[in-house]
Amino acid sequence: MRSFVVLSIIFGSLPYTLQQPWIGVLVFSWISYMNPHKYAWGFIRSFPVAMIVAIVTLIGMSMTKDKQRLPKNAATLLMIGLWILFVLTTPFAFNQQEAWPQLEKVSKILLMNFVTILLINSKVKLRYLLIVIALSVGLIGLKGAVWVIRSGGAHRVYGPAGSFLEDNNDLALALTMALPLLLYLAKDEPRQWLRWLLNACFVGSIISTIFTYSRGGFLSLVLVGSLLLIKARYKSLAAIAFIVGILALTLILPQQWTDRMNTIETYQEDGSAMGRLNAWRTAINIALSRPLTGGGFETWTPEVFARYSPQGWNVRDVHSSYFEMLGELGFIGLFMFLILLAYSLLTALRLKWIVRRNPDLQWAQHYPDMLQVAILAYMMGGAFLGRAYFDLFYHMVASIVILGQLVRQPQTAESKQPAKVRAPLSAYAHPATRVFTVRRN
C-alpha cells in the first residue's frame, strides 16, 4: 500500500513537471531529503524515482520559457569551478574504483542545484521550495521525536534506512540546518494548519537532534539555538522558553546521553576522536604531497593511510568537511570551498540590509536570517562530519542566489520604469505575495 501511494504521487506529478518543470524541482527535493520510498516495502526502495523525476524536469526545462539565466556571480562561478576541479582531479585519484561513482553522485547534486537556480524564479516558487525542504527534513525529526517519547530516549534516532540521512550524524546535521527554515517559515505562514505543522516539526527536530547522540549535532544545535535567540524579536520571552526547555530536557535525558556528551571535553581519552585527529593529519600530509589535486574522491583507504598517516594502522573516515576537501582536492579545492562559504554568509548579510531598507521587500524579511543560520549550522556540523558535498548545503547556497535575484529585480526595475501603482495578483498566489508593482499606463 505504501509503495502504491508513493508511486502514485511521484508518477502523478510527472505530467505537471513536464508542463511546469519547477514542480519537478520540488518533487526532486522531497525525494532527496525525505526519501519517502525508503519507508515503503518491496522494489520501490531501490527504484530510481529521483532519476526519473530529474529526467522529466530536464526535458520540461528544455521546452519551457519560464526560466531565468544562470546568474554570473561569485557563488555560481565557484560552484562551476568546483565542479570542473572535481572532474580534473578524479583521473588522478588514489581510489579509482570509488572515485568515479562519487564524481557521478556529486555531479548530479550540482546539476540539479543549477536547475533549481534556473527554474525557481519567483518569490512564490522560492517559498514553496523552502517549505518542501524544511518539511521533508522536519517530518523525519517529528517522527524521531515520537520514537524518543515512546522509547524513553534509550535509543538513538536515525534517518531512513538506505538514504543519505541514515547515519545519526548526517541526520543531526540536516535537522539543525532545517531548524531556522522551520521557525522563520512558520512566522510568515498565514495558513494555521501549516504553521502548526512547521512549529511541531521545529520542536520535534530539536528533540531528535539531541537523541541522535551526535556530539557534532549537539554543538550545532547549541550554535543554532544561540543565533535564533539573538535574532529573536522578543528576546526575553525566547530566553525564558529556551531555559524552560533545557530544564525540561534535563529531567528526561538518560545517563548514557550525558556520558556521550562528556567525551567532548575528554576527547584525548576517546578513540573515535583521536582517530579523527589522525585522519586530519593524514589529509594535511596528502595535500602537502599533492597540493593541486589532493588524493581524489574517497581517498581514505588503508593504502593511503599507510603512506601518509602518522598512525598508518588507524584507518578512519576524515569526519570533517574541511579536511575532506583538503585531502581529496588539495589546497585549491579547500580555498574555493571556504570562499563559497564566506561569500554565502556575506551575501545573506547584504540582502538583509537591502530588505530592511525597502518596504516592498518585507516578504523576504526572514529569508536572509534563515539561510544564514542554516549555513552556519552546516559550518559547525561540518567541522566534525565529512560532508563537503552535502546537497542541502548547496541548496542553501542556491536559495541565496535566487533570493539575491528576486531582491534586486525591483531595484533594477525602479531605475528604468516611471511611477508605479499597486495591483493584485491572481487568486492562486500565496497571501504573502498578493501585491506587486506594475507600470502605470
Protein backbone atom coordinates (compact mmCIF):
# COMPACT_ATOMS: atom_id res chain seq x y z
CA MET A 1 0.00 0.00 0.00
CA ARG A 2 2.80 2.42 0.87
CA SER A 3 4.54 1.65 -2.41
CA PHE A 4 1.35 2.35 -4.35
CA VAL A 5 0.79 5.69 -2.60
CA VAL A 6 4.39 6.88 -3.14
CA LEU A 7 4.43 5.79 -6.78
CA SER A 8 1.06 7.42 -7.39
CA ILE A 9 2.30 10.75 -6.04
CA ILE A 10 5.59 10.65 -7.94
CA PHE A 11 4.24 9.45 -11.29
CA GLY A 12 1.17 11.63 -10.90
CA SER A 13 3.44 14.67 -10.67
CA LEU A 14 5.29 13.92 -13.92
CA PRO A 15 2.73 15.44 -16.34
CA TYR A 16 2.71 18.63 -14.26
CA THR A 17 6.50 18.58 -14.15
CA LEU A 18 6.64 18.37 -17.93
CA GLN A 19 4.41 21.45 -18.25
CA GLN A 20 5.83 23.37 -15.27
CA PRO A 21 9.28 21.93 -14.56
CA TRP A 22 9.74 23.95 -11.36
CA ILE A 23 7.29 21.47 -9.80
CA GLY A 24 9.83 18.77 -10.60
CA VAL A 25 12.38 20.67 -8.51
CA LEU A 26 10.00 20.45 -5.54
CA VAL A 27 9.32 16.75 -6.06
CA PHE A 28 13.02 16.02 -6.51
CA SER A 29 13.81 17.88 -3.27
CA TRP A 30 11.11 15.94 -1.44
CA ILE A 31 12.53 12.63 -2.65
CA SER A 32 16.13 13.66 -1.93
CA TYR A 33 15.59 14.72 1.68
CA MET A 34 12.58 12.82 2.98
CA ASN A 35 13.20 9.66 0.93
CA PRO A 36 9.54 8.59 1.04
CA HIS A 37 10.24 5.45 -0.99
CA LYS A 38 12.55 4.22 1.79
CA TYR A 39 9.55 4.00 4.13
CA ALA A 40 7.76 1.63 1.74
CA TRP A 41 8.40 -2.03 1.03
CA GLY A 42 9.43 -4.06 -1.98
CA PHE A 43 11.02 -2.96 -5.24
CA ILE A 44 10.32 0.76 -4.76
CA ARG A 45 13.05 1.05 -2.10
CA SER A 46 15.68 0.75 -4.85
CA PHE A 47 13.58 2.12 -7.71
CA PRO A 48 15.29 5.19 -9.30
CA VAL A 49 12.43 7.58 -8.59
CA ALA A 50 14.73 10.60 -8.16
CA MET A 51 16.40 9.94 -11.51
CA ILE A 52 13.02 9.68 -13.28
CA VAL A 53 11.84 12.98 -11.81
CA ALA A 54 15.16 14.63 -12.68
CA ILE A 55 14.99 13.48 -16.32
CA VAL A 56 11.41 14.71 -16.77
CA THR A 57 12.37 18.01 -15.11
CA LEU A 58 15.27 18.46 -17.54
CA ILE A 59 13.01 17.69 -20.51
CA GLY A 60 10.44 20.18 -19.26
CA MET A 61 13.12 22.81 -18.68
CA SER A 62 14.35 22.44 -22.26
CA MET A 63 10.84 23.27 -23.53
CA THR A 64 9.71 25.99 -21.17
CA LYS A 65 10.35 29.72 -21.37
CA ASP A 66 9.59 30.16 -17.69
CA LYS A 67 13.19 30.18 -16.51
CA GLN A 68 15.94 32.65 -15.85
CA ARG A 69 19.54 32.80 -16.95
CA LEU A 70 22.18 31.47 -14.63
CA PRO A 71 23.41 34.50 -12.64
CA LYS A 72 27.09 35.28 -13.11
CA ASN A 73 28.03 35.88 -9.50
CA ALA A 74 30.73 34.51 -7.24
CA ALA A 75 28.56 31.69 -5.87
CA THR A 76 27.66 30.20 -9.25
CA LEU A 77 31.19 30.67 -10.60
CA LEU A 78 32.66 28.98 -7.52
CA MET A 79 30.29 26.02 -7.82
CA ILE A 80 31.14 25.69 -11.51
CA GLY A 81 34.83 25.94 -10.63
CA LEU A 82 34.50 23.22 -8.00
CA TRP A 83 32.67 21.01 -10.48
CA ILE A 84 35.48 21.46 -13.01
CA LEU A 85 38.02 20.70 -10.31
CA PHE A 86 36.13 17.51 -9.38
CA VAL A 87 36.34 16.36 -12.99
CA LEU A 88 40.01 17.26 -13.43
CA THR A 89 41.22 15.61 -10.21
CA THR A 90 39.28 12.35 -10.48
CA PRO A 91 41.62 10.76 -13.10
CA PHE A 92 44.46 11.24 -10.58
CA ALA A 93 42.55 9.84 -7.59
CA PHE A 94 44.19 7.15 -5.47
CA ASN A 95 40.95 5.20 -5.15
CA GLN A 96 39.83 4.92 -8.78
CA GLN A 97 37.23 2.27 -8.05
CA GLU A 98 35.16 4.56 -5.81
CA ALA A 99 36.21 7.97 -7.13
CA TRP A 100 34.27 7.78 -10.40
CA PRO A 101 30.94 6.76 -8.79
CA GLN A 102 31.41 9.60 -6.30
CA LEU A 103 32.04 12.04 -9.15
CA GLU A 104 28.78 10.90 -10.74
CA LYS A 105 26.90 11.40 -7.47
CA VAL A 106 28.34 14.87 -6.83
CA SER A 107 27.74 15.89 -10.45
CA LYS A 108 24.05 15.01 -10.11
CA ILE A 109 23.84 17.15 -6.97
CA LEU A 110 25.40 20.16 -8.69
CA LEU A 111 23.38 19.68 -11.89
CA MET A 112 20.06 19.75 -10.04
CA ASN A 113 21.35 22.64 -7.98
CA PHE A 114 21.83 24.72 -11.13
CA VAL A 115 18.45 23.54 -12.43
CA THR A 116 16.95 24.87 -9.19
CA ILE A 117 18.53 28.29 -9.75
CA LEU A 118 17.21 28.41 -13.33
CA LEU A 119 13.62 27.35 -12.58
CA ILE A 120 12.89 28.89 -9.18
CA ASN A 121 12.46 32.43 -10.46
CA SER A 122 9.71 33.94 -8.30
CA LYS A 123 9.11 34.54 -4.60
CA VAL A 124 6.16 32.13 -4.59
CA LYS A 125 8.31 29.34 -6.05
CA LEU A 126 11.16 30.07 -3.64
CA ARG A 127 8.82 29.90 -0.66
CA TYR A 128 7.37 26.59 -1.79
CA LEU A 129 10.86 25.19 -2.34
CA LEU A 130 11.97 26.16 1.17
CA ILE A 131 8.76 24.77 2.69
CA VAL A 132 9.26 21.45 0.88
CA ILE A 133 12.89 21.21 2.04
CA ALA A 134 12.04 22.21 5.62
CA LEU A 135 9.13 19.78 5.95
CA SER A 136 10.98 16.94 4.20
CA VAL A 137 13.65 17.05 6.91
CA GLY A 138 11.36 18.30 9.69
CA LEU A 139 8.88 15.44 9.37
CA ILE A 140 11.75 13.00 9.90
CA GLY A 141 12.57 14.98 13.04
CA LEU A 142 8.96 14.87 14.18
CA LYS A 143 8.82 11.11 13.60
CA GLY A 144 12.06 10.72 15.56
CA ALA A 145 10.64 12.75 18.45
CA VAL A 146 7.65 10.40 18.65
CA TRP A 147 10.11 7.48 18.75
CA VAL A 148 12.07 9.17 21.56
CA ILE A 149 8.93 9.64 23.64
CA ARG A 150 7.81 6.05 23.08
CA SER A 151 11.24 4.55 23.85
CA GLY A 152 12.12 6.89 26.70
CA GLY A 153 15.20 8.18 24.89
CA ALA A 154 17.15 4.98 25.39
CA HIS A 155 17.90 4.53 21.69
CA ARG A 156 19.43 6.75 19.05
CA VAL A 157 17.40 8.41 16.33
CA TYR A 158 18.39 7.51 12.77
CA GLY A 159 17.20 8.61 9.35
CA PRO A 160 15.51 6.49 6.66
CA ALA A 161 17.41 3.24 6.11
CA GLY A 162 19.48 3.26 2.93
CA SER A 163 19.22 7.02 2.49
CA PHE A 164 21.74 9.84 2.68
CA LEU A 165 20.45 10.67 6.18
CA GLU A 166 20.54 7.15 7.59
CA ASP A 167 23.52 7.82 9.86
CA ASN A 168 22.75 9.61 13.12
CA ASN A 169 25.43 12.25 12.47
CA ASP A 170 24.10 13.02 8.97
CA LEU A 171 20.58 13.29 10.32
CA ALA A 172 21.67 15.64 13.11
CA LEU A 173 23.40 17.90 10.58
CA ALA A 174 20.31 18.05 8.35
CA LEU A 175 17.98 18.67 11.29
CA THR A 176 20.00 21.59 12.66
CA MET A 177 20.14 23.12 9.18
CA ALA A 178 16.36 22.76 8.85
CA LEU A 179 15.59 24.37 12.22
CA PRO A 180 15.88 28.03 11.10
CA LEU A 181 13.81 27.27 7.99
CA LEU A 182 11.03 25.70 10.05
CA LEU A 183 10.97 28.56 12.56
CA TYR A 184 11.04 31.51 10.16
CA LEU A 185 8.71 29.97 7.58
CA ALA A 186 6.16 29.42 10.36
CA LYS A 187 6.36 33.12 11.28
CA ASP A 188 5.17 34.19 7.83
CA GLU A 189 2.71 31.34 7.17
CA PRO A 190 -0.93 32.53 7.03
CA ARG A 191 -2.44 29.02 6.95
CA GLN A 192 -2.89 27.90 10.53
CA TRP A 193 -2.60 24.17 9.89
CA LEU A 194 0.70 24.59 8.06
CA ARG A 195 2.00 26.99 10.70
CA TRP A 196 1.22 24.43 13.40
CA LEU A 197 2.91 21.68 11.37
CA LEU A 198 6.06 23.75 10.86
CA ASN A 199 6.22 24.56 14.58
CA ALA A 200 5.63 20.92 15.52
CA CYS A 201 8.45 19.84 13.20
CA PHE A 202 10.66 22.53 14.74
CA VAL A 203 10.17 21.20 18.27
CA GLY A 204 10.38 17.59 17.12
CA SER A 205 13.62 18.26 15.23
CA ILE A 206 15.23 19.71 18.36
CA ILE A 207 14.34 16.59 20.31
CA SER A 208 15.51 14.29 17.53
CA THR A 209 18.81 16.15 17.16
CA ILE A 210 19.55 15.69 20.86
CA PHE A 211 18.69 12.00 20.73
CA THR A 212 20.80 11.24 17.70
CA TYR A 213 23.57 11.20 20.32
CA SER A 214 25.71 13.10 17.81
CA ARG A 215 28.28 15.29 19.52
CA GLY A 216 28.76 17.45 16.43
CA GLY A 217 24.99 17.70 16.09
CA PHE A 218 24.70 18.84 19.69
CA LEU A 219 27.29 21.58 19.17
CA SER A 220 25.46 22.70 16.01
CA LEU A 221 22.20 22.75 17.96
CA VAL A 222 23.75 24.97 20.63
CA LEU A 223 25.00 27.34 17.94
CA VAL A 224 21.66 27.45 16.13
CA GLY A 225 19.76 27.97 19.39
CA SER A 226 22.06 30.82 20.37
CA LEU A 227 21.74 32.52 16.98
CA LEU A 228 17.96 32.19 16.92
CA LEU A 229 17.83 33.62 20.44
CA ILE A 230 19.99 36.59 19.42
CA LYS A 231 17.86 37.23 16.35
CA ALA A 232 14.54 36.80 18.18
CA ARG A 233 12.27 39.83 18.25
CA TYR A 234 11.16 39.24 21.83
CA LYS A 235 14.44 38.12 23.34
CA SER A 236 13.23 37.91 26.93
CA LEU A 237 10.38 35.53 26.07
CA ALA A 238 12.66 33.50 23.83
CA ALA A 239 15.24 33.25 26.62
CA ILE A 240 12.60 32.06 29.08
CA ALA A 241 11.35 29.42 26.66
CA PHE A 242 14.94 28.35 25.99
CA ILE A 243 15.72 27.95 29.70
CA VAL A 244 12.47 26.11 30.40
CA GLY A 245 13.20 23.76 27.52
CA ILE A 246 16.69 22.99 28.83
CA LEU A 247 15.36 22.32 32.35
CA ALA A 248 12.69 20.02 30.96
CA LEU A 249 15.26 18.07 28.94
CA THR A 250 17.50 17.55 31.96
CA LEU A 251 14.65 15.60 33.54
CA ILE A 252 14.35 13.11 30.69
CA LEU A 253 17.91 12.78 29.36
CA PRO A 254 19.30 9.31 30.12
CA GLN A 255 22.71 8.80 31.66
CA GLN A 256 24.22 7.33 28.50
CA TRP A 257 23.47 10.58 26.66
CA THR A 258 25.29 12.60 29.33
CA ASP A 259 28.23 10.21 29.22
CA ARG A 260 28.38 10.56 25.43
CA MET A 261 28.42 14.37 25.51
CA ASN A 262 31.05 14.44 28.26
CA THR A 263 33.54 12.94 25.82
CA ILE A 264 33.63 16.34 24.07
CA GLU A 265 35.77 17.61 26.95
CA THR A 266 37.79 14.39 27.33
CA TYR A 267 38.46 13.76 23.66
CA GLN A 268 42.04 12.65 24.42
CA GLU A 269 40.60 9.53 26.03
CA ASP A 270 38.14 8.82 23.23
CA GLY A 271 39.42 6.50 20.50
CA SER A 272 36.99 7.87 17.91
CA ALA A 273 38.07 11.48 18.49
CA MET A 274 41.77 10.61 18.37
CA GLY A 275 41.17 8.65 15.17
CA ARG A 276 39.68 11.78 13.63
CA LEU A 277 42.73 13.82 14.58
CA ASN A 278 44.91 11.22 12.94
CA ALA A 279 42.76 11.37 9.79
CA TRP A 280 43.05 15.18 9.76
CA ARG A 281 46.85 14.95 9.90
CA THR A 282 46.65 12.45 7.07
CA ALA A 283 44.65 14.95 4.99
CA ILE A 284 47.29 17.63 5.58
CA ASN A 285 50.08 15.27 4.52
CA ILE A 286 48.20 14.31 1.33
CA ALA A 287 47.66 17.97 0.45
CA LEU A 288 51.30 18.83 1.08
CA SER A 289 52.34 15.98 -1.18
CA ARG A 290 49.75 16.73 -3.88
CA PRO A 291 48.70 20.38 -3.41
CA LEU A 292 46.94 20.74 -6.78
CA THR A 293 44.93 17.53 -6.99
CA GLY A 294 44.81 16.06 -3.50
CA GLY A 295 44.09 12.38 -3.20
CA GLY A 296 40.81 12.46 -5.14
CA PHE A 297 37.38 11.31 -4.08
CA GLU A 298 37.14 8.56 -1.44
CA THR A 299 40.87 8.65 -0.79
CA TRP A 300 40.62 7.30 2.77
CA THR A 301 41.90 3.76 2.14
CA PRO A 302 44.33 1.61 4.17
CA GLU A 303 46.97 2.05 1.46
CA VAL A 304 46.78 5.84 1.65
CA PHE A 305 46.87 5.82 5.46
CA ALA A 306 49.88 3.53 5.42
CA ARG A 307 51.72 6.06 3.25
CA TYR A 308 50.59 9.43 4.63
CA SER A 309 49.30 8.88 8.15
CA PRO A 310 51.29 9.26 11.40
CA GLN A 311 49.41 6.18 12.57
CA GLY A 312 49.08 4.11 9.42
CA TRP A 313 47.15 1.36 11.17
CA ASN A 314 44.45 3.74 12.45
CA VAL A 315 42.23 3.95 9.36
CA ARG A 316 39.11 6.09 9.80
CA ASP A 317 36.91 8.41 7.82
CA VAL A 318 38.13 12.01 7.92
CA HIS A 319 34.98 13.27 9.74
CA SER A 320 35.42 16.91 8.72
CA SER A 321 34.16 18.67 5.60
CA TYR A 322 37.16 20.99 5.62
CA PHE A 323 39.79 18.28 5.91
CA GLU A 324 37.82 16.13 3.48
CA MET A 325 38.04 18.90 0.89
CA LEU A 326 41.73 19.44 1.70
CA GLY A 327 42.67 15.77 1.46
CA GLU A 328 40.59 14.97 -1.61
CA LEU A 329 41.03 18.17 -3.67
CA GLY A 330 44.14 19.84 -2.29
CA PHE A 331 44.61 23.47 -1.30
CA ILE A 332 42.79 24.83 -4.37
CA GLY A 333 39.64 22.90 -3.54
CA LEU A 334 39.72 23.91 0.11
CA PHE A 335 40.27 27.57 -0.80
CA MET A 336 37.31 27.61 -3.22
CA PHE A 337 35.12 25.84 -0.66
CA LEU A 338 35.96 28.36 2.07
CA ILE A 339 35.38 31.29 -0.29
CA LEU A 340 31.97 29.85 -1.19
CA LEU A 341 31.06 29.64 2.50
CA ALA A 342 32.25 33.17 3.23
CA TYR A 343 30.54 34.63 0.15
CA SER A 344 27.23 32.98 1.07
CA LEU A 345 27.30 34.41 4.60
CA LEU A 346 28.28 37.90 3.44
CA THR A 347 25.62 37.86 0.71
CA ALA A 348 22.96 36.94 3.27
CA LEU A 349 24.05 39.90 5.40
CA ARG A 350 23.94 42.24 2.42
CA LEU A 351 20.49 41.01 1.40
CA LYS A 352 19.21 41.53 4.93
CA TRP A 353 20.36 45.16 4.78
CA ILE A 354 18.69 45.66 1.39
CA VAL A 355 15.41 44.12 2.56
CA ARG A 356 15.30 46.28 5.69
CA ARG A 357 15.62 49.47 3.63
CA ASN A 358 12.87 48.60 1.13
CA PRO A 359 9.25 48.29 2.37
CA ASP A 360 8.29 46.43 -0.83
CA LEU A 361 10.62 43.56 0.13
CA GLN A 362 9.14 42.72 3.51
CA TRP A 363 8.02 39.35 2.15
CA ALA A 364 11.71 38.42 2.37
CA GLN A 365 12.45 39.88 5.80
CA HIS A 366 13.22 36.47 7.39
CA TYR A 367 14.87 34.80 4.40
CA PRO A 368 18.43 36.12 4.85
CA ASP A 369 18.43 35.13 8.54
CA MET A 370 17.11 31.61 7.96
CA LEU A 371 19.60 30.89 5.18
CA GLN A 372 22.50 32.41 7.08
CA VAL A 373 21.80 30.37 10.23
CA ALA A 374 21.36 27.21 8.14
CA ILE A 375 24.80 27.68 6.56
CA LEU A 376 26.37 28.44 9.95
CA ALA A 377 24.84 25.19 11.25
CA TYR A 378 26.44 23.40 8.32
CA MET A 379 29.80 25.02 9.04
CA MET A 380 29.69 23.91 12.68
CA GLY A 381 28.44 20.41 11.96
CA GLY A 382 30.78 20.06 9.01
CA ALA A 383 33.76 20.58 11.30
CA PHE A 384 33.06 17.12 12.76
CA LEU A 385 31.47 15.34 9.79
CA GLY A 386 32.86 14.76 6.31
CA ARG A 387 30.05 16.17 4.20
CA ALA A 388 31.77 18.63 1.88
CA TYR A 389 29.34 17.59 -0.90
CA PHE A 390 26.17 17.68 1.18
CA ASP A 391 23.31 18.57 -1.18
CA LEU A 392 21.39 20.50 1.48
CA PHE A 393 24.29 22.96 1.82
CA TYR A 394 24.42 23.58 -1.93
CA HIS A 395 20.64 24.00 -1.94
CA MET A 396 21.01 26.74 0.68
CA VAL A 397 23.63 28.47 -1.48
CA ALA A 398 21.28 28.20 -4.47
CA SER A 399 18.49 29.73 -2.37
CA ILE A 400 20.71 32.69 -1.53
CA VAL A 401 21.49 33.15 -5.24
CA ILE A 402 17.78 33.03 -6.10
CA LEU A 403 16.88 35.41 -3.27
CA GLY A 404 19.52 37.84 -4.49
CA GLN A 405 18.00 37.82 -7.96
CA LEU A 406 14.48 38.41 -6.62
CA VAL A 407 15.53 41.14 -4.21
CA ARG A 408 17.45 43.07 -6.85
CA GLN A 409 14.75 42.84 -9.54
CA PRO A 410 12.51 45.58 -8.09
CA GLN A 411 15.50 47.89 -7.66
CA THR A 412 16.57 47.36 -11.26
CA ALA A 413 13.04 47.92 -12.46
CA GLU A 414 12.64 51.11 -10.42
CA SER A 415 15.65 52.68 -12.08
CA LYS A 416 14.20 52.05 -15.56
CA GLN A 417 10.44 52.46 -15.10
CA PRO A 418 8.24 55.50 -14.41
CA ALA A 419 5.87 55.83 -11.46
CA LYS A 420 4.13 52.62 -10.41
CA VAL A 421 0.83 51.60 -8.92
CA ARG A 422 -0.11 48.52 -6.95
CA ALA A 423 -2.15 45.75 -8.49
CA PRO A 424 -3.33 42.41 -7.08
CA LEU A 425 -2.01 39.06 -8.15
CA SER A 426 -4.40 36.36 -9.27
CA ALA A 427 -6.26 34.34 -6.65
CA TYR A 428 -3.91 31.40 -6.59
CA ALA A 429 -0.97 33.48 -5.35
CA HIS A 430 0.36 32.99 -1.84
CA PRO A 431 -1.10 35.52 0.64
CA ALA A 432 2.40 36.85 1.34
CA THR A 433 2.72 37.88 -2.31
CA ARG A 434 -0.63 39.50 -3.03
CA VAL A 435 0.92 42.82 -4.10
CA PHE A 436 3.44 43.68 -6.76
CA THR A 437 4.27 46.72 -8.86
CA VAL A 438 3.32 47.34 -12.45
CA ARG A 439 3.91 50.18 -14.89
CA ARG A 440 1.35 52.97 -14.93
CA ASN A 441 -0.45 53.21 -18.25
